[in-house]
Amino acid sequence: MATCPFCHQEALRISTAITPAEVIKNILRHLKLAADPPPIAPARSRQETFDWGASALSSRLASGATTGLRRYVSREDDTA
């Protein structure tokens, strides 16, 4: 619960709820606040999924970094 901004002792309680849209707009205009909601932005188009693993590898290879890269050798030769 929030406390009173003036005395900092009493808890604030909701005494009434204003629901008519015209009344709310009049109160907001009187307080010089935006009475109309902001416009809803159009939906964005779907983006392609990003392959983080391939991107990280290609950027490391492009930068010339070789530390941290492991070489995987198949063990098929050892089984025979």
PDB file of N, CA and C in Angstrom:
ATOM      1  N   MET A   1       0.826  -1.187   0.000  1.00  0.00           N
ATOM      2  CA  MET A   1       0.000   0.000   0.000  1.00  0.00           C
ATOM      3  C   MET A   1       0.869   1.250   0.000  1.00  0.00           C
ATOM      4  N   ALA A   2       0.434   2.235  -0.724  1.00  0.00           N
ATOM      5  CA  ALA A   2       1.143   3.500  -0.769  1.00  0.00           C
ATOM      6  C   ALA A   2       0.764   4.349   0.437  1.00  0.00           C
ATOM      7  N   THR A   3       1.682   5.222   0.847  1.00  0.00           N
ATOM      8  CA  THR A   3       1.391   6.120   1.974  1.00  0.00           C
ATOM      9  C   THR A   3       1.080   7.507   1.461  1.00  0.00           C
ATOM     10  N   CYS A   4       0.463   8.299   2.300  1.00  0.00           N
ATOM     11  CA  CYS A   4       0.074   9.662   1.954  1.00  0.00           C
ATOM     12  C   CYS A   4       1.323  10.491   1.630  1.00  0.00           C
ATOM     13  N   PRO A   5       1.340  11.197   0.488  1.00  0.00           N
ATOM     14  CA  PRO A   5       2.526  11.988   0.142  1.00  0.00           C
ATOM     15  C   PRO A   5       2.698  13.223   1.030  1.00  0.00           C
ATOM     16  N   PHE A   6       1.681  13.581   1.805  1.00  0.00           N
ATOM     17  CA  PHE A   6       1.765  14.783   2.646  1.00  0.00           C
ATOM     18  C   PHE A   6       2.189  14.459   4.080  1.00  0.00           C
ATOM     19  N   CYS A   7       1.509  13.496   4.714  1.00  0.00           N
ATOM     20  CA  CYS A   7       1.826  13.197   6.118  1.00  0.00           C
ATOM     21  C   CYS A   7       2.723  11.973   6.269  1.00  0.00           C
ATOM     22  N   HIS A   8       2.843  11.144   5.228  1.00  0.00           N
ATOM     23  CA  HIS A   8       3.694   9.941   5.223  1.00  0.00           C
ATOM     24  C   HIS A   8       3.329   8.940   6.320  1.00  0.00           C
ATOM     25  N   GLN A   9       2.107   9.012   6.838  1.00  0.00           N
ATOM     26  CA  GLN A   9       1.708   8.090   7.892  1.00  0.00           C
ATOM     27  C   GLN A   9       0.530   7.218   7.484  1.00  0.00           C
ATOM     28  N   GLU A  10      -0.467   7.805   6.923  1.00  0.00           N
ATOM     29  CA  GLU A  10      -1.689   7.078   6.598  1.00  0.00           C
ATOM     30  C   GLU A  10      -1.549   6.342   5.269  1.00  0.00           C
ATOM     31  N   ALA A  11      -2.191   5.207   5.179  1.00  0.00           N
ATOM     32  CA  ALA A  11      -2.208   4.448   3.934  1.00  0.00           C
ATOM     33  C   ALA A  11      -3.262   5.030   2.996  1.00  0.00           C
ATOM     34  N   LEU A  12      -2.947   5.053   1.713  1.00  0.00           N
ATOM     35  CA  LEU A  12      -3.900   5.542   0.725  1.00  0.00           C
ATOM     36  C   LEU A  12      -4.867   4.432   0.361  1.00  0.00           C
ATOM     37  N   ARG A  13      -6.132   4.796   0.224  1.00  0.00           N
ATOM     38  CA  ARG A  13      -7.152   3.833  -0.166  1.00  0.00           C
ATOM     39  C   ARG A  13      -7.942   4.397  -1.331  1.00  0.00           C
ATOM     40  N   ILE A  14      -8.429   3.535  -2.186  1.00  0.00           N
ATOM     41  CA  ILE A  14      -9.273   3.970  -3.301  1.00  0.00           C
ATOM     42  C   ILE A  14     -10.677   4.213  -2.742  1.00  0.00           C
ATOM     43  N   SER A  15     -11.170   5.452  -2.928  1.00  0.00           N
ATOM     44  CA  SER A  15     -12.509   5.764  -2.424  1.00  0.00           C
ATOM     45  C   SER A  15     -13.559   5.648  -3.528  1.00  0.00           C
ATOM     46  N   THR A  16     -13.193   6.003  -4.763  1.00  0.00           N
ATOM     47  CA  THR A  16     -14.123   5.880  -5.889  1.00  0.00           C
ATOM     48  C   THR A  16     -13.341   5.501  -7.135  1.00  0.00           C
ATOM     49  N   ALA A  17     -14.051   4.965  -8.081  1.00  0.00           N
ATOM     50  CA  ALA A  17     -13.466   4.636  -9.379  1.00  0.00           C
ATOM     51  C   ALA A  17     -14.263   5.380 -10.440  1.00  0.00           C
ATOM     52  N   ILE A  18     -13.576   6.148 -11.239  1.00  0.00           N
ATOM     53  CA  ILE A  18     -14.232   6.909 -12.308  1.00  0.00           C
ATOM     54  C   ILE A  18     -14.120   6.083 -13.577  1.00  0.00           C
ATOM     55  N   THR A  19     -15.258   5.691 -14.140  1.00  0.00           N
ATOM     56  CA  THR A  19     -15.223   4.842 -15.326  1.00  0.00           C
ATOM     57  C   THR A  19     -15.734   5.501 -16.598  1.00  0.00           C
ATOM     58  N   PRO A  20     -16.638   6.508 -16.566  1.00  0.00           N
ATOM     59  CA  PRO A  20     -17.095   7.096 -17.824  1.00  0.00           C
ATOM     60  C   PRO A  20     -15.942   7.798 -18.554  1.00  0.00           C
ATOM     61  N   ALA A  21     -15.777   7.471 -19.810  1.00  0.00           N
ATOM     62  CA  ALA A  21     -14.652   7.994 -20.595  1.00  0.00           C
ATOM     63  C   ALA A  21     -14.676   9.520 -20.692  1.00  0.00           C
ATOM     64  N   GLU A  22     -15.852  10.113 -20.864  1.00  0.00           N
ATOM     65  CA  GLU A  22     -15.934  11.577 -20.990  1.00  0.00           C
ATOM     66  C   GLU A  22     -15.483  12.266 -19.715  1.00  0.00           C
ATOM     67  N   VAL A  23     -15.831  11.724 -18.572  1.00  0.00           N
ATOM     68  CA  VAL A  23     -15.427  12.327 -17.292  1.00  0.00           C
ATOM     69  C   VAL A  23     -13.916  12.239 -17.138  1.00  0.00           C
ATOM     70  N   ILE A  24     -13.349  11.102 -17.481  1.00  0.00           N
ATOM     71  CA  ILE A  24     -11.897  10.930 -17.383  1.00  0.00           C
ATOM     72  C   ILE A  24     -11.183  11.920 -18.302  1.00  0.00           C
ATOM     73  N   LYS A  25     -11.689  12.074 -19.537  1.00  0.00           N
ATOM     74  CA  LYS A  25     -11.075  13.025 -20.477  1.00  0.00           C
ATOM     75  C   LYS A  25     -11.155  14.446 -19.960  1.00  0.00           C
ATOM     76  N   ASN A  26     -12.285  14.823 -19.357  1.00  0.00           N
ATOM     77  CA  ASN A  26     -12.425  16.184 -18.815  1.00  0.00           C
ATOM     78  C   ASN A  26     -11.441  16.426 -17.677  1.00  0.00           C
ATOM     79  N   ILE A  27     -11.277  15.449 -16.802  1.00  0.00           N
ATOM     80  CA  ILE A  27     -10.328  15.593 -15.694  1.00  0.00           C
ATOM     81  C   ILE A  27      -8.903  15.724 -16.219  1.00  0.00           C
ATOM     82  N   LEU A  28      -8.541  14.886 -17.182  1.00  0.00           N
ATOM     83  CA  LEU A  28      -7.183  14.945 -17.737  1.00  0.00           C
ATOM     84  C   LEU A  28      -6.927  16.263 -18.468  1.00  0.00           C
ATOM     85  N   ARG A  29      -7.911  16.740 -19.206  1.00  0.00           N
ATOM     86  CA  ARG A  29      -7.753  18.040 -19.888  1.00  0.00           C
ATOM     87  C   ARG A  29      -7.587  19.161 -18.873  1.00  0.00           C
ATOM     88  N   HIS A  30      -8.367  19.118 -17.792  1.00  0.00           N
ATOM     89  CA  HIS A  30      -8.259  20.138 -16.756  1.00  0.00           C
ATOM     90  C   HIS A  30      -6.863  20.136 -16.129  1.00  0.00           C
ATOM     91  N   LEU A  31      -6.284  18.966 -15.984  1.00  0.00           N
ATOM     92  CA  LEU A  31      -4.932  18.854 -15.424  1.00  0.00           C
ATOM     93  C   LEU A  31      -3.843  19.078 -16.471  1.00  0.00           C
ATOM     94  N   LYS A  32      -4.282  19.407 -17.701  1.00  0.00           N
ATOM     95  CA  LYS A  32      -3.370  19.643 -18.831  1.00  0.00           C
ATOM     96  C   LYS A  32      -2.489  18.424 -19.102  1.00  0.00           C
ATOM     97  N   LEU A  33      -3.126  17.242 -19.048  1.00  0.00           N
ATOM     98  CA  LEU A  33      -2.472  15.988 -19.386  1.00  0.00           C
ATOM     99  C   LEU A  33      -3.098  15.442 -20.657  1.00  0.00           C
ATOM    100  N   ALA A  34      -2.422  14.530 -21.302  1.00  0.00           N
ATOM    101  CA  ALA A  34      -2.926  13.959 -22.548  1.00  0.00           C
ATOM    102  C   ALA A  34      -4.220  13.197 -22.265  1.00  0.00           C
ATOM    103  N   ALA A  35      -5.299  13.618 -22.933  1.00  0.00           N
ATOM    104  CA  ALA A  35      -6.596  12.979 -22.727  1.00  0.00           C
ATOM    105  C   ALA A  35      -6.820  11.834 -23.708  1.00  0.00           C
ATOM    106  N   ASP A  36      -6.138  11.866 -24.824  1.00  0.00           N
ATOM    107  CA  ASP A  36      -6.298  10.825 -25.833  1.00  0.00           C
ATOM    108  C   ASP A  36      -5.106   9.877 -25.766  1.00  0.00           C
ATOM    109  N   PRO A  37      -5.354   8.587 -25.891  1.00  0.00           N
ATOM    110  CA  PRO A  37      -4.236   7.635 -25.840  1.00  0.00           C
ATOM    111  C   PRO A  37      -3.346   7.774 -27.069  1.00  0.00           C
ATOM    112  N   PRO A  38      -2.094   7.398 -26.978  1.00  0.00           N
ATOM    113  CA  PRO A  38      -1.212   7.464 -28.148  1.00  0.00           C
ATOM    114  C   PRO A  38      -1.685   6.476 -29.207  1.00  0.00           C
ATOM    115  N   PRO A  39      -1.391   6.767 -30.474  1.00  0.00           N
ATOM    116  CA  PRO A  39      -1.821   5.842 -31.529  1.00  0.00           C
ATOM    117  C   PRO A  39      -1.096   4.494 -31.403  1.00  0.00           C
ATOM    118  N   ILE A  40      -1.790   3.459 -31.782  1.00  0.00           N
ATOM    119  CA  ILE A  40      -1.207   2.116 -31.736  1.00  0.00           C
ATOM    120  C   ILE A  40      -0.332   1.933 -32.966  1.00  0.00           C
ATOM    121  N   ALA A  41       0.891   1.518 -32.749  1.00  0.00           N
ATOM    122  CA  ALA A  41       1.827   1.315 -33.852  1.00  0.00           C
ATOM    123  C   ALA A  41       1.430   0.063 -34.643  1.00  0.00           C
ATOM    124  N   PRO A  42       1.684   0.081 -35.951  1.00  0.00           N
ATOM    125  CA  PRO A  42       1.370  -1.119 -36.738  1.00  0.00           C
ATOM    126  C   PRO A  42       2.278  -2.274 -36.338  1.00  0.00           C
ATOM    127  N   ALA A  43       1.790  -3.475 -36.533  1.00  0.00           N
ATOM    128  CA  ALA A  43       2.567  -4.662 -36.197  1.00  0.00           C
ATOM    129  C   ALA A  43       3.805  -4.754 -37.081  1.00  0.00           C
ATOM    130  N   ARG A  44       4.891  -5.223 -36.497  1.00  0.00           N
ATOM    131  CA  ARG A  44       6.111  -5.407 -37.274  1.00  0.00           C
ATOM    132  C   ARG A  44       6.040  -6.731 -38.025  1.00  0.00           C
ATOM    133  N   SER A  45       6.722  -6.776 -39.147  1.00  0.00           N
ATOM    134  CA  SER A  45       6.751  -8.027 -39.907  1.00  0.00           C
ATOM    135  C   SER A  45       7.655  -9.027 -39.199  1.00  0.00           C
ATOM    136  N   ARG A  46       7.435 -10.303 -39.487  1.00  0.00           N
ATOM    137  CA  ARG A  46       8.264 -11.338 -38.872  1.00  0.00           C
ATOM    138  C   ARG A  46       9.694 -11.237 -39.371  1.00  0.00           C
ATOM    139  N   GLN A  47      10.612 -11.444 -38.470  1.00  0.00           N
ATOM    140  CA  GLN A  47      12.017 -11.448 -38.836  1.00  0.00           C
ATOM    141  C   GLN A  47      12.487 -12.884 -38.968  1.00  0.00           C
ATOM    142  N   GLU A  48      13.502 -13.062 -39.780  1.00  0.00           N
ATOM    143  CA  GLU A  48      14.073 -14.397 -39.926  1.00  0.00           C
ATOM    144  C   GLU A  48      14.770 -14.776 -38.627  1.00  0.00           C
ATOM    145  N   THR A  49      14.788 -16.069 -38.336  1.00  0.00           N
ATOM    146  CA  THR A  49      15.510 -16.517 -37.154  1.00  0.00           C
ATOM    147  C   THR A  49      17.003 -16.363 -37.406  1.00  0.00           C
ATOM    148  N   PHE A  50      17.709 -16.005 -36.384  1.00  0.00           N
ATOM    149  CA  PHE A  50      19.130 -15.717 -36.499  1.00  0.00           C
ATOM    150  C   PHE A  50      19.931 -16.888 -35.963  1.00  0.00           C
ATOM    151  N   ASP A  51      20.900 -17.344 -36.716  1.00  0.00           N
ATOM    152  CA  ASP A  51      21.752 -18.454 -36.304  1.00  0.00           C
ATOM    153  C   ASP A  51      22.968 -17.880 -35.568  1.00  0.00           C
ATOM    154  N   TRP A  52      22.863 -17.834 -34.238  1.00  0.00           N
ATOM    155  CA  TRP A  52      23.926 -17.224 -33.447  1.00  0.00           C
ATOM    156  C   TRP A  52      25.235 -17.996 -33.550  1.00  0.00           C
ATOM    157  N   GLY A  53      25.176 -19.296 -33.610  1.00  0.00           N
ATOM    158  CA  GLY A  53      26.398 -20.106 -33.680  1.00  0.00           C
ATOM    159  C   GLY A  53      27.177 -19.849 -34.957  1.00  0.00           C
ATOM    160  N   ALA A  54      26.480 -19.827 -36.096  1.00  0.00           N
ATOM    161  CA  ALA A  54      27.158 -19.591 -37.373  1.00  0.00           C
ATOM    162  C   ALA A  54      27.705 -18.171 -37.438  1.00  0.00           C
ATOM    163  N   SER A  55      26.959 -17.217 -36.881  1.00  0.00           N
ATOM    164  CA  SER A  55      27.412 -15.826 -36.901  1.00  0.00           C
ATOM    165  C   SER A  55      28.672 -15.655 -36.061  1.00  0.00           C
ATOM    166  N   ALA A  56      28.701 -16.275 -34.892  1.00  0.00           N
ATOM    167  CA  ALA A  56      29.868 -16.152 -34.019  1.00  0.00           C
ATOM    168  C   ALA A  56      31.089 -16.775 -34.668  1.00  0.00           C
ATOM    169  N   LEU A  57      30.917 -17.930 -35.301  1.00  0.00           N
ATOM    170  CA  LEU A  57      32.035 -18.603 -35.943  1.00  0.00           C
ATOM    171  C   LEU A  57      32.562 -17.796 -37.119  1.00  0.00           C
ATOM    172  N   SER A  58      31.652 -17.272 -37.949  1.00  0.00           N
ATOM    173  CA  SER A  58      32.104 -16.504 -39.118  1.00  0.00           C
ATOM    174  C   SER A  58      32.782 -15.215 -38.698  1.00  0.00           C
ATOM    175  N   SER A  59      32.304 -14.571 -37.625  1.00  0.00           N
ATOM    176  CA  SER A  59      32.951 -13.331 -37.190  1.00  0.00           C
ATOM    177  C   SER A  59      34.322 -13.610 -36.587  1.00  0.00           C
ATOM    178  N   ARG A  60      34.463 -14.759 -35.892  1.00  0.00           N
ATOM    179  CA  ARG A  60      35.768 -15.108 -35.331  1.00  0.00           C
ATOM    180  C   ARG A  60      36.752 -15.448 -36.444  1.00  0.00           C
ATOM    181  N   LEU A  61      36.283 -16.135 -37.474  1.00  0.00           N
ATOM    182  CA  LEU A  61      37.168 -16.469 -38.579  1.00  0.00           C
ATOM    183  C   LEU A  61      37.565 -15.224 -39.368  1.00  0.00           C
ATOM    184  N   ALA A  62      36.618 -14.283 -39.526  1.00  0.00           N
ATOM    185  CA  ALA A  62      36.904 -13.055 -40.257  1.00  0.00           C
ATOM    186  C   ALA A  62      37.910 -12.191 -39.509  1.00  0.00           C
ATOM    187  N   SER A  63      37.867 -12.233 -38.164  1.00  0.00           N
ATOM    188  CA  SER A  63      38.786 -11.408 -37.385  1.00  0.00           C
ATOM    189  C   SER A  63      40.158 -12.061 -37.248  1.00  0.00           C
ATOM    190  N   GLY A  64      40.255 -13.321 -37.642  1.00  0.00           N
ATOM    191  CA  GLY A  64      41.539 -14.004 -37.556  1.00  0.00           C
ATOM    192  C   GLY A  64      41.790 -14.633 -36.204  1.00  0.00           C
ATOM    193  N   ALA A  65      40.788 -14.617 -35.339  1.00  0.00           N
ATOM    194  CA  ALA A  65      40.955 -15.197 -34.011  1.00  0.00           C
ATOM    195  C   ALA A  65      40.916 -16.717 -34.117  1.00  0.00           C
ATOM    196  N   THR A  66      41.880 -17.348 -33.515  1.00  0.00           N
ATOM    197  CA  THR A  66      41.906 -18.813 -33.551  1.00  0.00           C
ATOM    198  C   THR A  66      41.863 -19.401 -32.156  1.00  0.00           C
ATOM    199  N   THR A  67      42.001 -18.572 -31.123  1.00  0.00           N
ATOM    200  CA  THR A  67      41.952 -19.123 -29.775  1.00  0.00           C
ATOM    201  C   THR A  67      40.528 -19.516 -29.445  1.00  0.00           C
ATOM    202  N   GLY A  68      40.382 -20.602 -28.780  1.00  0.00           N
ATOM    203  CA  GLY A  68      39.061 -21.058 -28.380  1.00  0.00           C
ATOM    204  C   GLY A  68      38.408 -21.959 -29.406  1.00  0.00           C
ATOM    205  N   LEU A  69      38.954 -22.034 -30.611  1.00  0.00           N
ATOM    206  CA  LEU A  69      38.382 -22.923 -31.619  1.00  0.00           C
ATOM    207  C   LEU A  69      39.035 -24.291 -31.484  1.00  0.00           C
ATOM    208  N   ARG A  70      38.232 -25.315 -31.439  1.00  0.00           N
ATOM    209  CA  ARG A  70      38.762 -26.662 -31.310  1.00  0.00           C
ATOM    210  C   ARG A  70      38.627 -27.394 -32.627  1.00  0.00           C
ATOM    211  N   ARG A  71      39.513 -28.274 -32.825  1.00  0.00           N
ATOM    212  CA  ARG A  71      39.472 -29.098 -34.020  1.00  0.00           C
ATOM    213  C   ARG A  71      38.925 -30.458 -33.626  1.00  0.00           C
ATOM    214  N   TYR A  72      37.856 -30.849 -34.268  1.00  0.00           N
ATOM    215  CA  TYR A  72      37.256 -32.137 -33.965  1.00  0.00           C
ATOM    216  C   TYR A  72      37.722 -33.149 -34.999  1.00  0.00           C
ATOM    217  N   VAL A  73      38.338 -34.220 -34.520  1.00  0.00           N
ATOM    218  CA  VAL A  73      38.870 -35.267 -35.387  1.00  0.00           C
ATOM    219  C   VAL A  73      38.011 -36.506 -35.182  1.00  0.00           C
ATOM    220  N   SER A  74      37.616 -37.109 -36.270  1.00  0.00           N
ATOM    221  CA  SER A  74      36.801 -38.311 -36.129  1.00  0.00           C
ATOM    222  C   SER A  74      37.677 -39.447 -35.629  1.00  0.00           C
ATOM    223  N   ARG A  75      37.100 -40.314 -34.834  1.00  0.00           N
ATOM    224  CA  ARG A  75      37.835 -41.427 -34.240  1.00  0.00           C
ATOM    225  C   ARG A  75      37.604 -42.715 -35.010  1.00  0.00           C
ATOM    226  N   GLU A  76      37.119 -42.640 -36.223  1.00  0.00           N
ATOM    227  CA  GLU A  76      36.826 -43.841 -37.010  1.00  0.00           C
ATOM    228  C   GLU A  76      38.108 -44.632 -37.297  1.00  0.00           C
ATOM    229  N   ASP A  77      39.245 -43.928 -37.453  1.00  0.00           N
ATOM    230  CA  ASP A  77      40.505 -44.602 -37.749  1.00  0.00           C
ATOM    231  C   ASP A  77      40.977 -45.470 -36.584  1.00  0.00           C
ATOM    232  N   ASP A  78      40.660 -45.043 -35.353  1.00  0.00           N
ATOM    233  CA  ASP A  78      41.141 -45.753 -34.161  1.00  0.00           C
ATOM    234  C   ASP A  78      40.367 -47.030 -33.887  1.00  0.00           C
ATOM    235  N   THR A  79      39.148 -47.144 -34.390  1.00  0.00           N
ATOM    236  CA  THR A  79      38.326 -48.309 -34.060  1.00  0.00           C
ATOM    237  C   THR A  79      38.728 -49.547 -34.849  1.00  0.00           C
ATOM    238  N   ALA A  80      39.391 -49.373 -35.961  1.00  0.00           N
ATOM    239  CA  ALA A  80      39.755 -50.527 -36.798  1.00  0.00           C
ATOM    240  C   ALA A  80      40.975 -51.243 -36.298  1.00  0.00           C
TER     241      ALA A  80
END
